Structure formats: C-alpha cells, structure tokens
Amino acid sequence: MSSSCITSADIKILKQLQRAGRMTNQELADKVGMATSPCWRRVKQLEESGVITGYQANLDRRKIGLGILAFIRVKIYSHSEEEAKLFETQVGALKPVIACYAVAGDADFLLQVVAEDLDSFSTFAMSVIRRLPGIKEIQTTFVLREVKPFDHLPLP
C-alpha cells in the first residue's frame, strides 16, 4: 500500500492505534466513526500491506533498570557494501543497541544504546562496540534528559 493509497479513514484508524493499540475493534470503530466490519477490514489491510508493523507496550526504560541512554556515532574504515552489511548484521544482534541508522555526514552509523549504568555502558562500548571489525572511530553522546521521546509518527 503506497502512501497515496492511504485514505482519510486509514489516517483516523492509524492515529487512534498509535495512541492506544490495545483498544478493541468496537472501540476503534466508535472513535473513527465507522461500522465494526469495515473498520476491521481496513486494519487488516493496513497490517497486510506493512503500514502497521506490529503492536507493543511502551516501557519506561528507567523503571526497568536502564538508566543510561546514549547515541554512538560510528565511522567505519571501508565503505564497501560488504563491510557495511557485516557491521549492520553484527550490530543488529546486540541487545543494548535499540536502534541503528545508516547516516550521511561525518559518521557512517548512529546507534541508540541503553545500559543499566555508566560502568555497564563503558564495558559495552569498549569491549563490544570498539572491537567490532572495521570500526575506525566511535563518539558517544549521553542523553541528560528526554525532552520529547518518540511516541508516535506524525500523521496529517
């Protein structure tokens, strides 16, 4: 489903599901002003087309013992597709890395990392990230306060 195929009804559904993904189909249909069957069909189409990729609970990282949030800028030596794919595969398997982005600019990748505390972050950065093959340079930025953490995508 391309973005041009998304209807205003789909947008209403998506806005509601981003706010409260656990609501029943009846609740969703009521909120978006649709009958339950068409609403259910639209949700299924949005899921099958990959617009909706899943449902999950949002957790407070601090309350589950992850007091450190950091961004690691990574430069790699080689910019070959093979080296980049190898790095992506290895980073994808690391649990403390909660997001990884290939970026343009003065770094090649931007990693979003969580850790229990500064000691565990330091161990992870120096013993795991630093030792990945092809790493030229890493630079860490620690989050002091989350001003606007991600909670939903903007929809028209």
C-alpha atoms as a PDB file:
ATOM      1  CA  MET A   1       0.000   0.000   0.000  1.00  0.00           C
ATOM      2  CA  SER A   2       1.596   3.248  -1.096  1.00  0.00           C
ATOM      3  CA  SER A   3       1.115   6.472   0.827  1.00  0.00           C
ATOM      4  CA  SER A   4      -1.153   7.708  -1.970  1.00  0.00           C
ATOM      5  CA  CYS A   5      -3.500   4.768  -1.294  1.00  0.00           C
ATOM      6  CA  ILE A   6      -3.948   5.639   2.375  1.00  0.00           C
ATOM      7  CA  THR A   7      -7.387   7.139   2.879  1.00  0.00           C
ATOM      8  CA  SER A   8      -8.611   9.653   5.434  1.00  0.00           C
ATOM      9  CA  ALA A   9     -10.333   6.747   7.222  1.00  0.00           C
ATOM     10  CA  ASP A  10      -6.979   4.937   7.370  1.00  0.00           C
ATOM     11  CA  ILE A  11      -5.374   8.040   8.883  1.00  0.00           C
ATOM     12  CA  LYS A  12      -8.069   8.174  11.582  1.00  0.00           C
ATOM     13  CA  ILE A  13      -7.502   4.495  12.354  1.00  0.00           C
ATOM     14  CA  LEU A  14      -3.716   4.890  12.464  1.00  0.00           C
ATOM     15  CA  LYS A  15      -3.916   7.908  14.779  1.00  0.00           C
ATOM     16  CA  GLN A  16      -6.088   6.001  17.225  1.00  0.00           C
ATOM     17  CA  LEU A  17      -3.957   2.850  17.127  1.00  0.00           C
ATOM     18  CA  GLN A  18      -0.773   4.857  17.748  1.00  0.00           C
ATOM     19  CA  ARG A  19      -2.390   6.293  20.880  1.00  0.00           C
ATOM     20  CA  ALA A  20      -3.880   3.036  22.162  1.00  0.00           C
ATOM     21  CA  GLY A  21      -3.049  -0.089  20.185  1.00  0.00           C
ATOM     22  CA  ARG A  22      -4.863  -2.382  22.621  1.00  0.00           C
ATOM     23  CA  MET A  23      -8.360  -0.993  22.086  1.00  0.00           C
ATOM     24  CA  THR A  24     -10.983  -3.375  20.787  1.00  0.00           C
ATOM     25  CA  ASN A  25     -12.218  -3.162  17.218  1.00  0.00           C
ATOM     26  CA  GLN A  26     -15.554  -1.894  18.580  1.00  0.00           C
ATOM     27  CA  GLU A  27     -13.820   0.926  20.481  1.00  0.00           C
ATOM     28  CA  LEU A  28     -11.726   1.782  17.427  1.00  0.00           C
ATOM     29  CA  ALA A  29     -14.743   1.796  15.115  1.00  0.00           C
ATOM     30  CA  ASP A  30     -16.620   4.079  17.524  1.00  0.00           C
ATOM     31  CA  LYS A  31     -13.695   6.512  17.751  1.00  0.00           C
ATOM     32  CA  VAL A  32     -13.241   6.759  13.974  1.00  0.00           C
ATOM     33  CA  GLY A  33     -16.951   6.779  13.138  1.00  0.00           C
ATOM     34  CA  MET A  34     -17.094   3.509  11.216  1.00  0.00           C
ATOM     35  CA  ALA A  35     -19.026   0.266  11.493  1.00  0.00           C
ATOM     36  CA  THR A  36     -17.012  -2.567  13.046  1.00  0.00           C
ATOM     37  CA  SER A  37     -16.692  -4.788   9.940  1.00  0.00           C
ATOM     38  CA  PRO A  38     -15.271  -2.129   7.582  1.00  0.00           C
ATOM     39  CA  CYS A  39     -13.008  -0.901  10.377  1.00  0.00           C
ATOM     40  CA  TRP A  40     -11.671  -4.422  10.971  1.00  0.00           C
ATOM     41  CA  ARG A  41     -11.096  -4.907   7.212  1.00  0.00           C
ATOM     42  CA  ARG A  42      -9.163  -1.609   6.980  1.00  0.00           C
ATOM     43  CA  VAL A  43      -6.970  -2.581   9.940  1.00  0.00           C
ATOM     44  CA  LYS A  44      -6.277  -5.984   8.355  1.00  0.00           C
ATOM     45  CA  GLN A  45      -5.369  -4.305   5.033  1.00  0.00           C
ATOM     46  CA  LEU A  46      -3.054  -1.887   6.852  1.00  0.00           C
ATOM     47  CA  GLU A  47      -1.391  -4.840   8.603  1.00  0.00           C
ATOM     48  CA  GLU A  48      -1.077  -6.979   5.468  1.00  0.00           C
ATOM     49  CA  SER A  49       0.367  -4.111   3.433  1.00  0.00           C
ATOM     50  CA  GLY A  50       3.005  -3.437   6.096  1.00  0.00           C
ATOM     51  CA  VAL A  51       1.755   0.009   7.130  1.00  0.00           C
ATOM     52  CA  ILE A  52       1.066  -1.418  10.595  1.00  0.00           C
ATOM     53  CA  THR A  53       4.145  -3.424  11.502  1.00  0.00           C
ATOM     54  CA  GLY A  54       3.182  -4.548  14.997  1.00  0.00           C
ATOM     55  CA  TYR A  55       1.740  -3.702  18.381  1.00  0.00           C
ATOM     56  CA  GLN A  56       3.775  -3.257  21.530  1.00  0.00           C
ATOM     57  CA  ALA A  57       3.806  -1.788  25.012  1.00  0.00           C
ATOM     58  CA  ASN A  58       5.884   1.356  25.554  1.00  0.00           C
ATOM     59  CA  LEU A  59       8.171   0.921  28.551  1.00  0.00           C
ATOM     60  CA  ASP A  60       9.862   3.442  30.828  1.00  0.00           C
ATOM     61  CA  ARG A  61      13.491   2.363  30.477  1.00  0.00           C
ATOM     62  CA  ARG A  62      14.463   3.797  33.871  1.00  0.00           C
ATOM     63  CA  LYS A  63      11.812   1.728  35.662  1.00  0.00           C
ATOM     64  CA  ILE A  64      13.265  -1.460  34.208  1.00  0.00           C
ATOM     65  CA  GLY A  65      16.806  -0.584  35.241  1.00  0.00           C
ATOM     66  CA  LEU A  66      18.133   1.066  32.075  1.00  0.00           C
ATOM     67  CA  GLY A  67      19.300   4.422  33.433  1.00  0.00           C
ATOM     68  CA  ILE A  68      21.660   5.280  30.574  1.00  0.00           C
ATOM     69  CA  LEU A  69      20.555   6.315  27.093  1.00  0.00           C
ATOM     70  CA  ALA A  70      23.287   7.250  24.644  1.00  0.00           C
ATOM     71  CA  PHE A  71      23.932   7.785  20.968  1.00  0.00           C
ATOM     72  CA  ILE A  72      27.125   6.393  19.471  1.00  0.00           C
ATOM     73  CA  ARG A  73      28.372   7.834  16.190  1.00  0.00           C
ATOM     74  CA  VAL A  74      30.396   5.219  14.332  1.00  0.00           C
ATOM     75  CA  LYS A  75      32.820   5.649  11.457  1.00  0.00           C
ATOM     76  CA  ILE A  76      33.948   2.536   9.639  1.00  0.00           C
ATOM     77  CA  TYR A  77      37.145   2.140   7.627  1.00  0.00           C
ATOM     78  CA  SER A  78      35.659   0.729   4.460  1.00  0.00           C
ATOM     79  CA  HIS A  79      32.514   1.971   2.791  1.00  0.00           C
ATOM     80  CA  SER A  80      32.050  -1.134   0.703  1.00  0.00           C
ATOM     81  CA  GLU A  81      28.594  -2.649   0.700  1.00  0.00           C
ATOM     82  CA  GLU A  82      30.021  -5.881   2.103  1.00  0.00           C
ATOM     83  CA  GLU A  83      31.656  -4.152   5.096  1.00  0.00           C
ATOM     84  CA  ALA A  84      28.553  -2.069   5.808  1.00  0.00           C
ATOM     85  CA  LYS A  85      26.306  -5.154   5.701  1.00  0.00           C
ATOM     86  CA  LEU A  86      28.661  -7.022   8.034  1.00  0.00           C
ATOM     87  CA  PHE A  87      28.574  -4.138  10.514  1.00  0.00           C
ATOM     88  CA  GLU A  88      24.770  -3.907  10.272  1.00  0.00           C
ATOM     89  CA  THR A  89      24.380  -7.633  10.906  1.00  0.00           C
ATOM     90  CA  GLN A  90      26.685  -7.599  13.911  1.00  0.00           C
ATOM     91  CA  VAL A  91      25.094  -4.501  15.450  1.00  0.00           C
ATOM     92  CA  GLY A  92      21.619  -5.916  14.829  1.00  0.00           C
ATOM     93  CA  ALA A  93      22.424  -8.795  17.162  1.00  0.00           C
ATOM     94  CA  LEU A  94      23.429  -6.548  20.089  1.00  0.00           C
ATOM     95  CA  LYS A  95      20.620  -6.223  22.646  1.00  0.00           C
ATOM     96  CA  PRO A  96      21.757  -2.881  24.140  1.00  0.00           C
ATOM     97  CA  VAL A  97      21.530  -1.310  20.664  1.00  0.00           C
ATOM     98  CA  ILE A  98      17.853  -0.358  20.452  1.00  0.00           C
ATOM     99  CA  ALA A  99      18.156   1.433  17.100  1.00  0.00           C
ATOM    100  CA  CYS A 100      20.768   1.750  14.358  1.00  0.00           C
ATOM    101  CA  TYR A 101      20.709   4.199  11.479  1.00  0.00           C
ATOM    102  CA  ALA A 102      22.968   4.462   8.423  1.00  0.00           C
ATOM    103  CA  VAL A 103      23.554   8.220   8.167  1.00  0.00           C
ATOM    104  CA  ALA A 104      25.098  10.830   5.907  1.00  0.00           C
ATOM    105  CA  GLY A 105      27.598  13.326   7.251  1.00  0.00           C
ATOM    106  CA  ASP A 106      30.683  12.895   9.381  1.00  0.00           C
ATOM    107  CA  ALA A 107      29.671   9.433  10.641  1.00  0.00           C
ATOM    108  CA  ASP A 108      28.502   6.287   8.909  1.00  0.00           C
ATOM    109  CA  PHE A 109      26.124   4.932  11.547  1.00  0.00           C
ATOM    110  CA  LEU A 110      24.257   6.275  14.543  1.00  0.00           C
ATOM    111  CA  LEU A 111      23.478   3.786  17.293  1.00  0.00           C
ATOM    112  CA  GLN A 112      20.956   4.348  20.063  1.00  0.00           C
ATOM    113  CA  VAL A 113      22.075   2.372  23.102  1.00  0.00           C
ATOM    114  CA  VAL A 114      20.699   1.689  26.582  1.00  0.00           C
ATOM    115  CA  ALA A 115      22.567   0.442  29.640  1.00  0.00           C
ATOM    116  CA  GLU A 116      21.983  -0.037  33.351  1.00  0.00           C
ATOM    117  CA  ASP A 117      24.640   2.450  34.406  1.00  0.00           C
ATOM    118  CA  LEU A 118      27.806   4.185  33.257  1.00  0.00           C
ATOM    119  CA  ASP A 119      30.014   1.215  34.142  1.00  0.00           C
ATOM    120  CA  SER A 120      27.954  -1.242  32.104  1.00  0.00           C
ATOM    121  CA  PHE A 121      27.801   1.238  29.212  1.00  0.00           C
ATOM    122  CA  SER A 122      31.573   1.687  29.319  1.00  0.00           C
ATOM    123  CA  THR A 123      32.133  -2.065  29.295  1.00  0.00           C
ATOM    124  CA  PHE A 124      29.754  -2.485  26.356  1.00  0.00           C
ATOM    125  CA  ALA A 125      31.259   0.379  24.340  1.00  0.00           C
ATOM    126  CA  MET A 126      34.876  -0.598  24.915  1.00  0.00           C
ATOM    127  CA  SER A 127      34.566  -4.396  24.924  1.00  0.00           C
ATOM    128  CA  VAL A 128      31.891  -4.894  22.297  1.00  0.00           C
ATOM    129  CA  ILE A 129      31.392  -1.882  20.016  1.00  0.00           C
ATOM    130  CA  ARG A 130      35.069  -0.887  19.867  1.00  0.00           C
ATOM    131  CA  ARG A 131      36.044  -4.466  18.965  1.00  0.00           C
ATOM    132  CA  LEU A 132      33.667  -4.870  16.045  1.00  0.00           C
ATOM    133  CA  PRO A 133      35.692  -5.336  12.856  1.00  0.00           C
ATOM    134  CA  GLY A 134      36.064  -2.296  10.652  1.00  0.00           C
ATOM    135  CA  ILE A 135      35.488   0.335  13.347  1.00  0.00           C
ATOM    136  CA  LYS A 136      37.539   3.428  12.656  1.00  0.00           C
ATOM    137  CA  GLU A 137      36.138   5.750  15.306  1.00  0.00           C
ATOM    138  CA  ILE A 138      33.331   5.979  17.842  1.00  0.00           C
ATOM    139  CA  GLN A 139      31.983   9.052  19.582  1.00  0.00           C
ATOM    140  CA  THR A 140      29.366   8.893  22.334  1.00  0.00           C
ATOM    141  CA  THR A 141      26.758  11.459  23.325  1.00  0.00           C
ATOM    142  CA  PHE A 142      24.850  10.827  26.547  1.00  0.00           C
ATOM    143  CA  VAL A 143      21.227  11.854  26.924  1.00  0.00           C
ATOM    144  CA  LEU A 144      20.826  14.025  30.018  1.00  0.00           C
ATOM    145  CA  ARG A 145      17.067  14.379  29.728  1.00  0.00           C
ATOM    146  CA  GLU A 146      14.483  13.180  27.228  1.00  0.00           C
ATOM    147  CA  VAL A 147      12.722  16.365  26.137  1.00  0.00           C
ATOM    148  CA  LYS A 148      10.486  14.748  23.518  1.00  0.00           C
ATOM    149  CA  PRO A 149      10.950  10.988  23.329  1.00  0.00           C
ATOM    150  CA  PHE A 150       9.484   9.167  20.354  1.00  0.00           C
ATOM    151  CA  ASP A 151       5.911   8.068  20.965  1.00  0.00           C
ATOM    152  CA  HIS A 152       4.197   8.211  17.565  1.00  0.00           C
ATOM    153  CA  LEU A 153       4.662   9.225  13.945  1.00  0.00           C
ATOM    154  CA  PRO A 154       3.062  12.461  12.720  1.00  0.00           C
ATOM    155  CA  LEU A 155       0.030  11.905  10.539  1.00  0.00           C
ATOM    156  CA  PRO A 156      -1.902  14.545   8.568  1.00  0.00           C
END
